[in-house]
């Protein structure tokens, strides 16, 4: 199976059109900085959270570099979800100049 992936600009466009941005990094990474519209569920918690994820819209999975979110994407695709992985993760997102905010709403960093 080929991993369905999108670049940061395409991911942002998908989210603006209603896709669910799922950040699967650890809590400390999330607190330091995440995409403004993202929802946080650490990778290890995804199986337990699967019943609360939307099945009626696409999911864009993201982590720091794209590896953990690729695992989440594979798992969720196998569960019947429409999921794409954000290639390069939050590092690519930030490098493209897209917004990163800390948990308190201030400018964030990719930890």
PDB file of N, CA and C in Angstrom:
ATOM      1  N   UNK A   1       0.836  -1.193   0.000  1.00  0.00           N
ATOM      2  CA  UNK A   1       0.000   0.000   0.000  1.00  0.00           C
ATOM      3  C   UNK A   1       0.875   1.250   0.000  1.00  0.00           C
ATOM      4  N   UNK A   2       0.555   2.172  -0.869  1.00  0.00           N
ATOM      5  CA  UNK A   2       1.254   3.450  -0.893  1.00  0.00           C
ATOM      6  C   UNK A   2       0.658   4.353   0.174  1.00  0.00           C
ATOM      7  N   UNK A   3       1.548   4.987   0.934  1.00  0.00           N
ATOM      8  CA  UNK A   3       1.098   5.876   2.009  1.00  0.00           C
ATOM      9  C   UNK A   3       0.477   7.132   1.399  1.00  0.00           C
ATOM     10  N   UNK A   4      -0.790   7.415   1.690  1.00  0.00           N
ATOM     11  CA  UNK A   4      -1.380   8.656   1.201  1.00  0.00           C
ATOM     12  C   UNK A   4      -0.782   9.845   1.962  1.00  0.00           C
ATOM     13  N   UNK A   5      -0.096  10.725   1.241  1.00  0.00           N
ATOM     14  CA  UNK A   5       0.574  11.859   1.883  1.00  0.00           C
ATOM     15  C   UNK A   5       0.209  13.167   1.209  1.00  0.00           C
ATOM     16  N   UNK A   6       0.296  14.244   1.985  1.00  0.00           N
ATOM     17  CA  UNK A   6       0.105  15.585   1.464  1.00  0.00           C
ATOM     18  C   UNK A   6       1.231  16.472   1.984  1.00  0.00           C
ATOM     19  N   UNK A   7       1.520  17.519   1.244  1.00  0.00           N
ATOM     20  CA  UNK A   7       2.494  18.527   1.670  1.00  0.00           C
ATOM     21  C   UNK A   7       1.790  19.525   2.589  1.00  0.00           C
ATOM     22  N   UNK A   8       2.553  20.327   3.350  1.00  0.00           N
ATOM     23  CA  UNK A   8       1.947  21.251   4.318  1.00  0.00           C
ATOM     24  C   UNK A   8       0.874  22.180   3.735  1.00  0.00           C
ATOM     25  N   UNK A   9       1.135  22.771   2.582  1.00  0.00           N
ATOM     26  CA  UNK A   9       0.163  23.702   2.006  1.00  0.00           C
ATOM     27  C   UNK A   9      -1.147  22.983   1.674  1.00  0.00           C
ATOM     28  N   UNK A  10      -1.029  21.773   1.129  1.00  0.00           N
ATOM     29  CA  UNK A  10      -2.223  20.996   0.801  1.00  0.00           C
ATOM     30  C   UNK A  10      -2.963  20.588   2.073  1.00  0.00           C
ATOM     31  N   UNK A  11      -2.208  20.233   3.111  1.00  0.00           N
ATOM     32  CA  UNK A  11      -2.826  19.876   4.395  1.00  0.00           C
ATOM     33  C   UNK A  11      -3.623  21.054   4.941  1.00  0.00           C
ATOM     34  N   UNK A  12      -3.042  22.236   4.903  1.00  0.00           N
ATOM     35  CA  UNK A  12      -3.739  23.419   5.406  1.00  0.00           C
ATOM     36  C   UNK A  12      -5.014  23.670   4.596  1.00  0.00           C
ATOM     37  N   UNK A  13      -4.924  23.500   3.290  1.00  0.00           N
ATOM     38  CA  UNK A  13      -6.084  23.675   2.428  1.00  0.00           C
ATOM     39  C   UNK A  13      -7.190  22.673   2.794  1.00  0.00           C
ATOM     40  N   UNK A  14      -6.799  21.417   3.022  1.00  0.00           N
ATOM     41  CA  UNK A  14      -7.772  20.390   3.408  1.00  0.00           C
ATOM     42  C   UNK A  14      -8.463  20.756   4.724  1.00  0.00           C
ATOM     43  N   UNK A  15      -7.676  21.234   5.681  1.00  0.00           N
ATOM     44  CA  UNK A  15      -8.235  21.614   6.982  1.00  0.00           C
ATOM     45  C   UNK A  15      -9.192  22.793   6.813  1.00  0.00           C
ATOM     46  N   UNK A  16      -8.814  23.752   5.991  1.00  0.00           N
ATOM     47  CA  UNK A  16      -9.694  24.902   5.750  1.00  0.00           C
ATOM     48  C   UNK A  16     -11.010  24.470   5.105  1.00  0.00           C
ATOM     49  N   UNK A  17     -10.974  23.348   4.381  1.00  0.00           N
ATOM     50  CA  UNK A  17     -12.178  22.831   3.730  1.00  0.00           C
ATOM     51  C   UNK A  17     -12.925  21.837   4.616  1.00  0.00           C
ATOM     52  N   UNK A  18     -12.456  21.641   5.854  1.00  0.00           N
ATOM     53  CA  UNK A  18     -13.195  20.801   6.790  1.00  0.00           C
ATOM     54  C   UNK A  18     -12.517  19.532   7.255  1.00  0.00           C
ATOM     55  N   UNK A  19     -11.316  19.232   6.777  1.00  0.00           N
ATOM     56  CA  UNK A  19     -10.616  18.034   7.246  1.00  0.00           C
ATOM     57  C   UNK A  19     -10.256  18.185   8.727  1.00  0.00           C
ATOM     58  N   UNK A  20     -10.111  17.065   9.396  1.00  0.00           N
ATOM     59  CA  UNK A  20      -9.780  16.986  10.826  1.00  0.00           C
ATOM     60  C   UNK A  20      -8.276  16.811  10.937  1.00  0.00           C
ATOM     61  N   UNK A  21      -7.579  17.756  11.557  1.00  0.00           N
ATOM     62  CA  UNK A  21      -6.126  17.691  11.700  1.00  0.00           C
ATOM     63  C   UNK A  21      -5.795  17.015  13.026  1.00  0.00           C
ATOM     64  N   UNK A  22      -5.239  15.805  12.944  1.00  0.00           N
ATOM     65  CA  UNK A  22      -4.953  14.975  14.117  1.00  0.00           C
ATOM     66  C   UNK A  22      -3.459  14.959  14.401  1.00  0.00           C
ATOM     67  N   UNK A  23      -3.058  15.566  15.510  1.00  0.00           N
ATOM     68  CA  UNK A  23      -1.654  15.624  15.922  1.00  0.00           C
ATOM     69  C   UNK A  23      -1.396  14.467  16.888  1.00  0.00           C
ATOM     70  N   UNK A  24      -0.500  13.546  16.499  1.00  0.00           N
ATOM     71  CA  UNK A  24      -0.268  12.337  17.299  1.00  0.00           C
ATOM     72  C   UNK A  24       1.036  12.384  18.110  1.00  0.00           C
ATOM     73  N   UNK A  25       1.591  13.580  18.279  1.00  0.00           N
ATOM     74  CA  UNK A  25       2.821  13.708  19.071  1.00  0.00           C
ATOM     75  C   UNK A  25       2.526  13.577  20.560  1.00  0.00           C
ATOM     76  N   UNK A  26       3.584  13.528  21.345  1.00  0.00           N
ATOM     77  CA  UNK A  26       3.442  13.448  22.796  1.00  0.00           C
ATOM     78  C   UNK A  26       2.982  14.799  23.344  1.00  0.00           C
ATOM     79  N   UNK A  27       2.432  14.788  24.547  1.00  0.00           N
ATOM     80  CA  UNK A  27       1.848  15.993  25.141  1.00  0.00           C
ATOM     81  C   UNK A  27       2.832  17.144  25.236  1.00  0.00           C
ATOM     82  N   UNK A  28       4.089  16.884  25.633  1.00  0.00           N
ATOM     83  CA  UNK A  28       5.056  17.977  25.759  1.00  0.00           C
ATOM     84  C   UNK A  28       5.345  18.630  24.400  1.00  0.00           C
ATOM     85  N   UNK A  29       5.351  17.841  23.333  1.00  0.00           N
ATOM     86  CA  UNK A  29       5.555  18.390  21.993  1.00  0.00           C
ATOM     87  C   UNK A  29       4.357  19.252  21.596  1.00  0.00           C
ATOM     88  N   UNK A  30       3.165  18.758  21.883  1.00  0.00           N
ATOM     89  CA  UNK A  30       1.928  19.477  21.583  1.00  0.00           C
ATOM     90  C   UNK A  30       1.903  20.829  22.294  1.00  0.00           C
ATOM     91  N   UNK A  31       2.224  20.831  23.590  1.00  0.00           N
ATOM     92  CA  UNK A  31       2.187  22.059  24.385  1.00  0.00           C
ATOM     93  C   UNK A  31       3.150  23.106  23.819  1.00  0.00           C
ATOM     94  N   UNK A  32       4.330  22.672  23.368  1.00  0.00           N
ATOM     95  CA  UNK A  32       5.339  23.598  22.837  1.00  0.00           C
ATOM     96  C   UNK A  32       4.873  24.280  21.555  1.00  0.00           C
ATOM     97  N   UNK A  33       4.152  23.540  20.715  1.00  0.00           N
ATOM     98  CA  UNK A  33       3.684  24.155  19.483  1.00  0.00           C
ATOM     99  C   UNK A  33       2.962  23.189  18.575  1.00  0.00           C
ATOM    100  N   UNK A  34       1.814  23.627  18.047  1.00  0.00           N
ATOM    101  CA  UNK A  34       1.007  22.802  17.153  1.00  0.00           C
ATOM    102  C   UNK A  34       0.291  23.697  16.154  1.00  0.00           C
ATOM    103  N   UNK A  35      -0.269  23.097  15.144  1.00  0.00           N
ATOM    104  CA  UNK A  35      -1.069  23.835  14.174  1.00  0.00           C
ATOM    105  C   UNK A  35      -2.334  24.336  14.868  1.00  0.00           C
ATOM    106  N   UNK A  36      -2.767  25.545  14.571  1.00  0.00           N
ATOM    107  CA  UNK A  36      -3.907  26.143  15.267  1.00  0.00           C
ATOM    108  C   UNK A  36      -5.187  25.305  15.276  1.00  0.00           C
ATOM    109  N   UNK A  37      -5.503  24.595  14.213  1.00  0.00           N
ATOM    110  CA  UNK A  37      -6.756  23.847  14.146  1.00  0.00           C
ATOM    111  C   UNK A  37      -6.625  22.381  14.528  1.00  0.00           C
ATOM    112  N   UNK A  38      -5.463  21.968  14.995  1.00  0.00           N
ATOM    113  CA  UNK A  38      -5.216  20.551  15.282  1.00  0.00           C
ATOM    114  C   UNK A  38      -5.917  20.087  16.558  1.00  0.00           C
ATOM    115  N   UNK A  39      -6.180  18.788  16.593  1.00  0.00           N
ATOM    116  CA  UNK A  39      -6.665  18.104  17.793  1.00  0.00           C
ATOM    117  C   UNK A  39      -5.563  17.144  18.219  1.00  0.00           C
ATOM    118  N   UNK A  40      -5.357  16.993  19.511  1.00  0.00           N
ATOM    119  CA  UNK A  40      -4.253  16.183  20.012  1.00  0.00           C
ATOM    120  C   UNK A  40      -4.714  14.840  20.570  1.00  0.00           C
ATOM    121  N   UNK A  41      -4.126  13.783  20.032  1.00  0.00           N
ATOM    122  CA  UNK A  41      -4.281  12.429  20.574  1.00  0.00           C
ATOM    123  C   UNK A  41      -2.933  11.750  20.364  1.00  0.00           C
ATOM    124  N   UNK A  42      -2.186  11.509  21.434  1.00  0.00           N
ATOM    125  CA  UNK A  42      -0.872  10.878  21.312  1.00  0.00           C
ATOM    126  C   UNK A  42      -1.002   9.534  20.592  1.00  0.00           C
ATOM    127  N   UNK A  43       0.003   9.179  19.806  1.00  0.00           N
ATOM    128  CA  UNK A  43      -0.041   7.972  18.984  1.00  0.00           C
ATOM    129  C   UNK A  43      -0.493   6.743  19.773  1.00  0.00           C
ATOM    130  N   UNK A  44       0.037   6.554  20.951  1.00  0.00           N
ATOM    131  CA  UNK A  44      -0.315   5.389  21.759  1.00  0.00           C
ATOM    132  C   UNK A  44      -1.772   5.359  22.195  1.00  0.00           C
ATOM    133  N   UNK A  45      -2.432   6.527  22.151  1.00  0.00           N
ATOM    134  CA  UNK A  45      -3.834   6.631  22.560  1.00  0.00           C
ATOM    135  C   UNK A  45      -4.804   6.500  21.388  1.00  0.00           C
ATOM    136  N   UNK A  46      -4.283   6.522  20.153  1.00  0.00           N
ATOM    137  CA  UNK A  46      -5.163   6.507  18.981  1.00  0.00           C
ATOM    138  C   UNK A  46      -6.110   5.304  18.969  1.00  0.00           C
ATOM    139  N   UNK A  47      -5.640   4.065  19.234  1.00  0.00           N
ATOM    140  CA  UNK A  47      -6.586   2.940  19.209  1.00  0.00           C
ATOM    141  C   UNK A  47      -7.752   3.114  20.188  1.00  0.00           C
ATOM    142  N   UNK A  48      -7.499   3.659  21.352  1.00  0.00           N
ATOM    143  CA  UNK A  48      -8.557   3.857  22.335  1.00  0.00           C
ATOM    144  C   UNK A  48      -9.476   5.018  21.959  1.00  0.00           C
ATOM    145  N   UNK A  49      -8.994   5.905  21.117  1.00  0.00           N
ATOM    146  CA  UNK A  49      -9.728   7.119  20.746  1.00  0.00           C
ATOM    147  C   UNK A  49     -10.483   6.958  19.423  1.00  0.00           C
ATOM    148  N   UNK A  50     -10.268   5.827  18.754  1.00  0.00           N
ATOM    149  CA  UNK A  50     -10.762   5.649  17.389  1.00  0.00           C
ATOM    150  C   UNK A  50     -12.273   5.871  17.257  1.00  0.00           C
ATOM    151  N   UNK A  51     -13.037   5.524  18.254  1.00  0.00           N
ATOM    152  CA  UNK A  51     -14.487   5.703  18.184  1.00  0.00           C
ATOM    153  C   UNK A  51     -14.911   7.167  18.266  1.00  0.00           C
ATOM    154  N   UNK A  52     -13.989   8.037  18.653  1.00  0.00           N
ATOM    155  CA  UNK A  52     -14.312   9.469  18.760  1.00  0.00           C
ATOM    156  C   UNK A  52     -13.795  10.277  17.574  1.00  0.00           C
ATOM    157  N   UNK A  53     -13.148   9.620  16.629  1.00  0.00           N
ATOM    158  CA  UNK A  53     -12.659  10.318  15.434  1.00  0.00           C
ATOM    159  C   UNK A  53     -13.765  10.376  14.387  1.00  0.00           C
ATOM    160  N   UNK A  54     -13.788  11.452  13.603  1.00  0.00           N
ATOM    161  CA  UNK A  54     -14.866  11.601  12.618  1.00  0.00           C
ATOM    162  C   UNK A  54     -14.702  10.656  11.430  1.00  0.00           C
ATOM    163  N   UNK A  55     -15.774   9.993  11.081  1.00  0.00           N
ATOM    164  CA  UNK A  55     -15.770   9.133   9.894  1.00  0.00           C
ATOM    165  C   UNK A  55     -16.384   9.841   8.690  1.00  0.00           C
ATOM    166  N   UNK A  56     -16.957  11.017   8.938  1.00  0.00           N
ATOM    167  CA  UNK A  56     -17.658  11.735   7.873  1.00  0.00           C
ATOM    168  C   UNK A  56     -16.797  12.800   7.191  1.00  0.00           C
ATOM    169  N   UNK A  57     -15.530  12.864   7.542  1.00  0.00           N
ATOM    170  CA  UNK A  57     -14.622  13.802   6.865  1.00  0.00           C
ATOM    171  C   UNK A  57     -13.208  13.251   6.887  1.00  0.00           C
ATOM    172  N   UNK A  58     -12.386  13.806   6.009  1.00  0.00           N
ATOM    173  CA  UNK A  58     -11.002  13.334   5.903  1.00  0.00           C
ATOM    174  C   UNK A  58     -10.208  13.734   7.150  1.00  0.00           C
ATOM    175  N   UNK A  59      -9.236  12.911   7.484  1.00  0.00           N
ATOM    176  CA  UNK A  59      -8.322  13.191   8.593  1.00  0.00           C
ATOM    177  C   UNK A  59      -6.932  13.404   8.013  1.00  0.00           C
ATOM    178  N   UNK A  60      -6.254  14.444   8.488  1.00  0.00           N
ATOM    179  CA  UNK A  60      -4.848  14.683   8.152  1.00  0.00           C
ATOM    180  C   UNK A  60      -4.067  14.392   9.429  1.00  0.00           C
ATOM    181  N   UNK A  61      -3.205  13.380   9.401  1.00  0.00           N
ATOM    182  CA  UNK A  61      -2.398  13.010  10.574  1.00  0.00           C
ATOM    183  C   UNK A  61      -1.049  13.715  10.508  1.00  0.00           C
ATOM    184  N   UNK A  62      -0.596  14.213  11.662  1.00  0.00           N
ATOM    185  CA  UNK A  62       0.674  14.940  11.727  1.00  0.00           C
ATOM    186  C   UNK A  62       1.416  14.577  13.011  1.00  0.00           C
ATOM    187  N   UNK A  63       2.748  14.541  12.921  1.00  0.00           N
ATOM    188  CA  UNK A  63       3.609  14.403  14.094  1.00  0.00           C
ATOM    189  C   UNK A  63       4.774  15.380  13.906  1.00  0.00           C
ATOM    190  N   UNK A  64       5.943  15.072  14.427  1.00  0.00           N
ATOM    191  CA  UNK A  64       7.070  15.996  14.289  1.00  0.00           C
ATOM    192  C   UNK A  64       7.693  15.912  12.899  1.00  0.00           C
ATOM    193  N   UNK A  65       7.928  14.668  12.427  1.00  0.00           N
ATOM    194  CA  UNK A  65       8.635  14.504  11.153  1.00  0.00           C
ATOM    195  C   UNK A  65       7.863  13.706  10.112  1.00  0.00           C
ATOM    196  N   UNK A  66       6.771  13.106  10.507  1.00  0.00           N
ATOM    197  CA  UNK A  66       5.966  12.323   9.577  1.00  0.00           C
ATOM    198  C   UNK A  66       5.997  10.824   9.812  1.00  0.00           C
ATOM    199  N   UNK A  67       6.874  10.338  10.703  1.00  0.00           N
ATOM    200  CA  UNK A  67       6.994   8.892  10.932  1.00  0.00           C
ATOM    201  C   UNK A  67       5.870   8.351  11.817  1.00  0.00           C
ATOM    202  N   UNK A  68       5.644   8.981  12.967  1.00  0.00           N
ATOM    203  CA  UNK A  68       4.570   8.510  13.859  1.00  0.00           C
ATOM    204  C   UNK A  68       3.207   8.704  13.203  1.00  0.00           C
ATOM    205  N   UNK A  69       3.036   9.819  12.511  1.00  0.00           N
ATOM    206  CA  UNK A  69       1.740  10.045  11.858  1.00  0.00           C
ATOM    207  C   UNK A  69       1.532   9.072  10.707  1.00  0.00           C
ATOM    208  N   UNK A  70       2.616   8.586  10.100  1.00  0.00           N
ATOM    209  CA  UNK A  70       2.487   7.547   9.067  1.00  0.00           C
ATOM    210  C   UNK A  70       1.937   6.265   9.690  1.00  0.00           C
ATOM    211  N   UNK A  71       2.406   5.922  10.900  1.00  0.00           N
ATOM    212  CA  UNK A  71       1.882   4.746  11.588  1.00  0.00           C
ATOM    213  C   UNK A  71       0.406   4.935  11.938  1.00  0.00           C
ATOM    214  N   UNK A  72       0.062   6.148  12.391  1.00  0.00           N
ATOM    215  CA  UNK A  72      -1.341   6.442  12.697  1.00  0.00           C
ATOM    216  C   UNK A  72      -2.186   6.354  11.427  1.00  0.00           C
ATOM    217  N   UNK A  73      -1.661   6.869  10.321  1.00  0.00           N
ATOM    218  CA  UNK A  73      -2.378   6.828   9.047  1.00  0.00           C
ATOM    219  C   UNK A  73      -2.640   5.388   8.636  1.00  0.00           C
ATOM    220  N   UNK A  74      -1.618   4.541   8.694  1.00  0.00           N
ATOM    221  CA  UNK A  74      -1.782   3.126   8.328  1.00  0.00           C
ATOM    222  C   UNK A  74      -2.850   2.462   9.199  1.00  0.00           C
ATOM    223  N   UNK A  75      -2.785   2.701  10.500  1.00  0.00           N
ATOM    224  CA  UNK A  75      -3.747   2.110  11.425  1.00  0.00           C
ATOM    225  C   UNK A  75      -5.162   2.576  11.108  1.00  0.00           C
ATOM    226  N   UNK A  76      -5.335   3.883  10.916  1.00  0.00           N
ATOM    227  CA  UNK A  76      -6.671   4.423  10.702  1.00  0.00           C
ATOM    228  C   UNK A  76      -7.242   4.038   9.340  1.00  0.00           C
ATOM    229  N   UNK A  77      -6.398   3.962   8.321  1.00  0.00           N
ATOM    230  CA  UNK A  77      -6.858   3.492   7.006  1.00  0.00           C
ATOM    231  C   UNK A  77      -7.380   2.057   7.143  1.00  0.00           C
ATOM    232  N   UNK A  78      -6.664   1.234   7.908  1.00  0.00           N
ATOM    233  CA  UNK A  78      -7.093  -0.156   8.123  1.00  0.00           C
ATOM    234  C   UNK A  78      -8.430  -0.226   8.876  1.00  0.00           C
ATOM    235  N   UNK A  79      -8.747   0.833   9.630  1.00  0.00           N
ATOM    236  CA  UNK A  79     -10.017   0.906  10.362  1.00  0.00           C
ATOM    237  C   UNK A  79     -11.130   1.513   9.508  1.00  0.00           C
ATOM    238  N   UNK A  80     -10.814   1.841   8.254  1.00  0.00           N
ATOM    239  CA  UNK A  80     -11.827   2.369   7.345  1.00  0.00           C
ATOM    240  C   UNK A  80     -11.930   3.880   7.273  1.00  0.00           C
ATOM    241  N   UNK A  81     -10.990   4.597   7.880  1.00  0.00           N
ATOM    242  CA  UNK A  81     -11.006   6.053   7.830  1.00  0.00           C
ATOM    243  C   UNK A  81     -10.353   6.561   6.548  1.00  0.00           C
ATOM    244  N   UNK A  82     -10.731   7.759   6.124  1.00  0.00           N
ATOM    245  CA  UNK A  82     -10.111   8.462   5.014  1.00  0.00           C
ATOM    246  C   UNK A  82      -9.023   9.347   5.621  1.00  0.00           C
ATOM    247  N   UNK A  83      -7.773   8.894   5.546  1.00  0.00           N
ATOM    248  CA  UNK A  83      -6.665   9.572   6.224  1.00  0.00           C
ATOM    249  C   UNK A  83      -5.504   9.802   5.270  1.00  0.00           C
ATOM    250  N   UNK A  84      -4.861  10.962   5.421  1.00  0.00           N
ATOM    251  CA  UNK A  84      -3.605  11.241   4.727  1.00  0.00           C
ATOM    252  C   UNK A  84      -2.581  11.673   5.764  1.00  0.00           C
ATOM    253  N   UNK A  85      -1.323  11.383   5.484  1.00  0.00           N
ATOM    254  CA  UNK A  85      -0.221  11.741   6.361  1.00  0.00           C
ATOM    255  C   UNK A  85       0.375  13.065   5.896  1.00  0.00           C
ATOM    256  N   UNK A  86       0.702  13.937   6.837  1.00  0.00           N
ATOM    257  CA  UNK A  86       1.385  15.186   6.501  1.00  0.00           C
ATOM    258  C   UNK A  86       2.877  14.899   6.343  1.00  0.00           C
ATOM    259  N   UNK A  87       3.338  14.900   5.097  1.00  0.00           N
ATOM    260  CA  UNK A  87       4.747  14.607   4.795  1.00  0.00           C
ATOM    261  C   UNK A  87       5.652  15.629   5.484  1.00  0.00           C
ATOM    262  N   UNK A  88       6.638  15.136   6.216  1.00  0.00           N
ATOM    263  CA  UNK A  88       7.575  16.026   6.900  1.00  0.00           C
ATOM    264  C   UNK A  88       7.079  16.561   8.224  1.00  0.00           C
ATOM    265  N   UNK A  89       5.831  16.277   8.561  1.00  0.00           N
ATOM    266  CA  UNK A  89       5.283  16.631   9.865  1.00  0.00           C
ATOM    267  C   UNK A  89       5.301  18.115  10.191  1.00  0.00           C
ATOM    268  N   UNK A  90       5.290  18.408  11.486  1.00  0.00           N
ATOM    269  CA  UNK A  90       5.267  19.797  11.948  1.00  0.00           C
ATOM    270  C   UNK A  90       6.544  20.537  11.570  1.00  0.00           C
ATOM    271  N   UNK A  91       7.651  19.816  11.400  1.00  0.00           N
ATOM    272  CA  UNK A  91       8.889  20.485  10.954  1.00  0.00           C
ATOM    273  C   UNK A  91       8.667  21.093   9.575  1.00  0.00           C
ATOM    274  N   UNK A  92       8.035  20.343   8.679  1.00  0.00           N
ATOM    275  CA  UNK A  92       7.752  20.853   7.335  1.00  0.00           C
ATOM    276  C   UNK A  92       6.697  21.952   7.397  1.00  0.00           C
ATOM    277  N   UNK A  93       5.679  21.766   8.234  1.00  0.00           N
ATOM    278  CA  UNK A  93       4.614  22.762   8.404  1.00  0.00           C
ATOM    279  C   UNK A  93       5.232  24.112   8.788  1.00  0.00           C
ATOM    280  N   UNK A  94       6.073  24.109   9.822  1.00  0.00           N
ATOM    281  CA  UNK A  94       6.694  25.346  10.303  1.00  0.00           C
ATOM    282  C   UNK A  94       7.667  25.919   9.269  1.00  0.00           C
ATOM    283  N   UNK A  95       8.428  25.054   8.609  1.00  0.00           N
ATOM    284  CA  UNK A  95       9.401  25.505   7.608  1.00  0.00           C
ATOM    285  C   UNK A  95       8.712  26.183   6.423  1.00  0.00           C
ATOM    286  N   UNK A  96       7.460  25.821   6.174  1.00  0.00           N
ATOM    287  CA  UNK A  96       6.691  26.417   5.089  1.00  0.00           C
ATOM    288  C   UNK A  96       6.154  27.787   5.492  1.00  0.00           C
ATOM    289  N   UNK A  97       6.261  28.107   6.774  1.00  0.00           N
ATOM    290  CA  UNK A  97       5.785  29.398   7.260  1.00  0.00           C
ATOM    291  C   UNK A  97       4.365  29.387   7.772  1.00  0.00           C
ATOM    292  N   UNK A  98       3.795  28.186   7.927  1.00  0.00           N
ATOM    293  CA  UNK A  98       2.440  28.086   8.461  1.00  0.00           C
ATOM    294  C   UNK A  98       2.465  28.286   9.981  1.00  0.00           C
ATOM    295  N   UNK A  99       1.349  28.734  10.526  1.00  0.00           N
ATOM    296  CA  UNK A  99       1.284  29.081  11.947  1.00  0.00           C
ATOM    297  C   UNK A  99       1.517  27.888  12.866  1.00  0.00           C
ATOM    298  N   UNK A 100       2.272  28.158  13.932  1.00  0.00           N
ATOM    299  CA  UNK A 100       2.490  27.202  15.018  1.00  0.00           C
ATOM    300  C   UNK A 100       2.189  27.959  16.303  1.00  0.00           C
ATOM    301  N   UNK A 101       1.267  27.411  17.104  1.00  0.00           N
ATOM    302  CA  UNK A 101       0.927  28.077  18.356  1.00  0.00           C
ATOM    303  C   UNK A 101       1.175  27.155  19.544  1.00  0.00           C
ATOM    304  N   UNK A 102       1.563  27.769  20.656  1.00  0.00           N
ATOM    305  CA  UNK A 102       1.762  27.033  21.898  1.00  0.00           C
ATOM    306  C   UNK A 102       0.400  26.756  22.522  1.00  0.00           C
ATOM    307  N   UNK A 103       0.365  25.908  23.523  1.00  0.00           N
ATOM    308  CA  UNK A 103      -0.883  25.523  24.167  1.00  0.00           C
ATOM    309  C   UNK A 103      -1.593  26.728  24.780  1.00  0.00           C
ATOM    310  N   UNK A 104      -0.828  27.760  25.158  1.00  0.00           N
ATOM    311  CA  UNK A 104      -1.443  28.955  25.758  1.00  0.00           C
ATOM    312  C   UNK A 104      -1.852  30.007  24.722  1.00  0.00           C
ATOM    313  N   UNK A 105      -1.721  29.663  23.430  1.00  0.00           N
ATOM    314  CA  UNK A 105      -2.143  30.564  22.368  1.00  0.00           C
ATOM    315  C   UNK A 105      -1.061  31.497  21.839  1.00  0.00           C
ATOM    316  N   UNK A 106       0.101  31.488  22.474  1.00  0.00           N
ATOM    317  CA  UNK A 106       1.206  32.315  21.982  1.00  0.00           C
ATOM    318  C   UNK A 106       1.924  31.586  20.844  1.00  0.00           C
ATOM    319  N   UNK A 107       2.882  32.272  20.214  1.00  0.00           N
ATOM    320  CA  UNK A 107       3.625  31.634  19.130  1.00  0.00           C
ATOM    321  C   UNK A 107       4.379  30.416  19.675  1.00  0.00           C
ATOM    322  N   UNK A 108       4.259  29.304  18.969  1.00  0.00           N
ATOM    323  CA  UNK A 108       4.865  28.066  19.434  1.00  0.00           C
ATOM    324  C   UNK A 108       6.105  27.673  18.648  1.00  0.00           C
ATOM    325  N   UNK A 109       6.728  26.612  19.096  1.00  0.00           N
ATOM    326  CA  UNK A 109       7.894  26.040  18.423  1.00  0.00           C
ATOM    327  C   UNK A 109       7.618  24.545  18.185  1.00  0.00           C
ATOM    328  N   UNK A 110       8.337  23.974  17.234  1.00  0.00           N
ATOM    329  CA  UNK A 110       8.210  22.541  17.002  1.00  0.00           C
ATOM    330  C   UNK A 110       9.270  21.862  17.861  1.00  0.00           C
ATOM    331  N   UNK A 111       8.812  21.207  18.927  1.00  0.00           N
ATOM    332  CA  UNK A 111       9.729  20.567  19.878  1.00  0.00           C
ATOM    333  C   UNK A 111       9.991  19.128  19.485  1.00  0.00           C
TER     334      UNK A 111
END
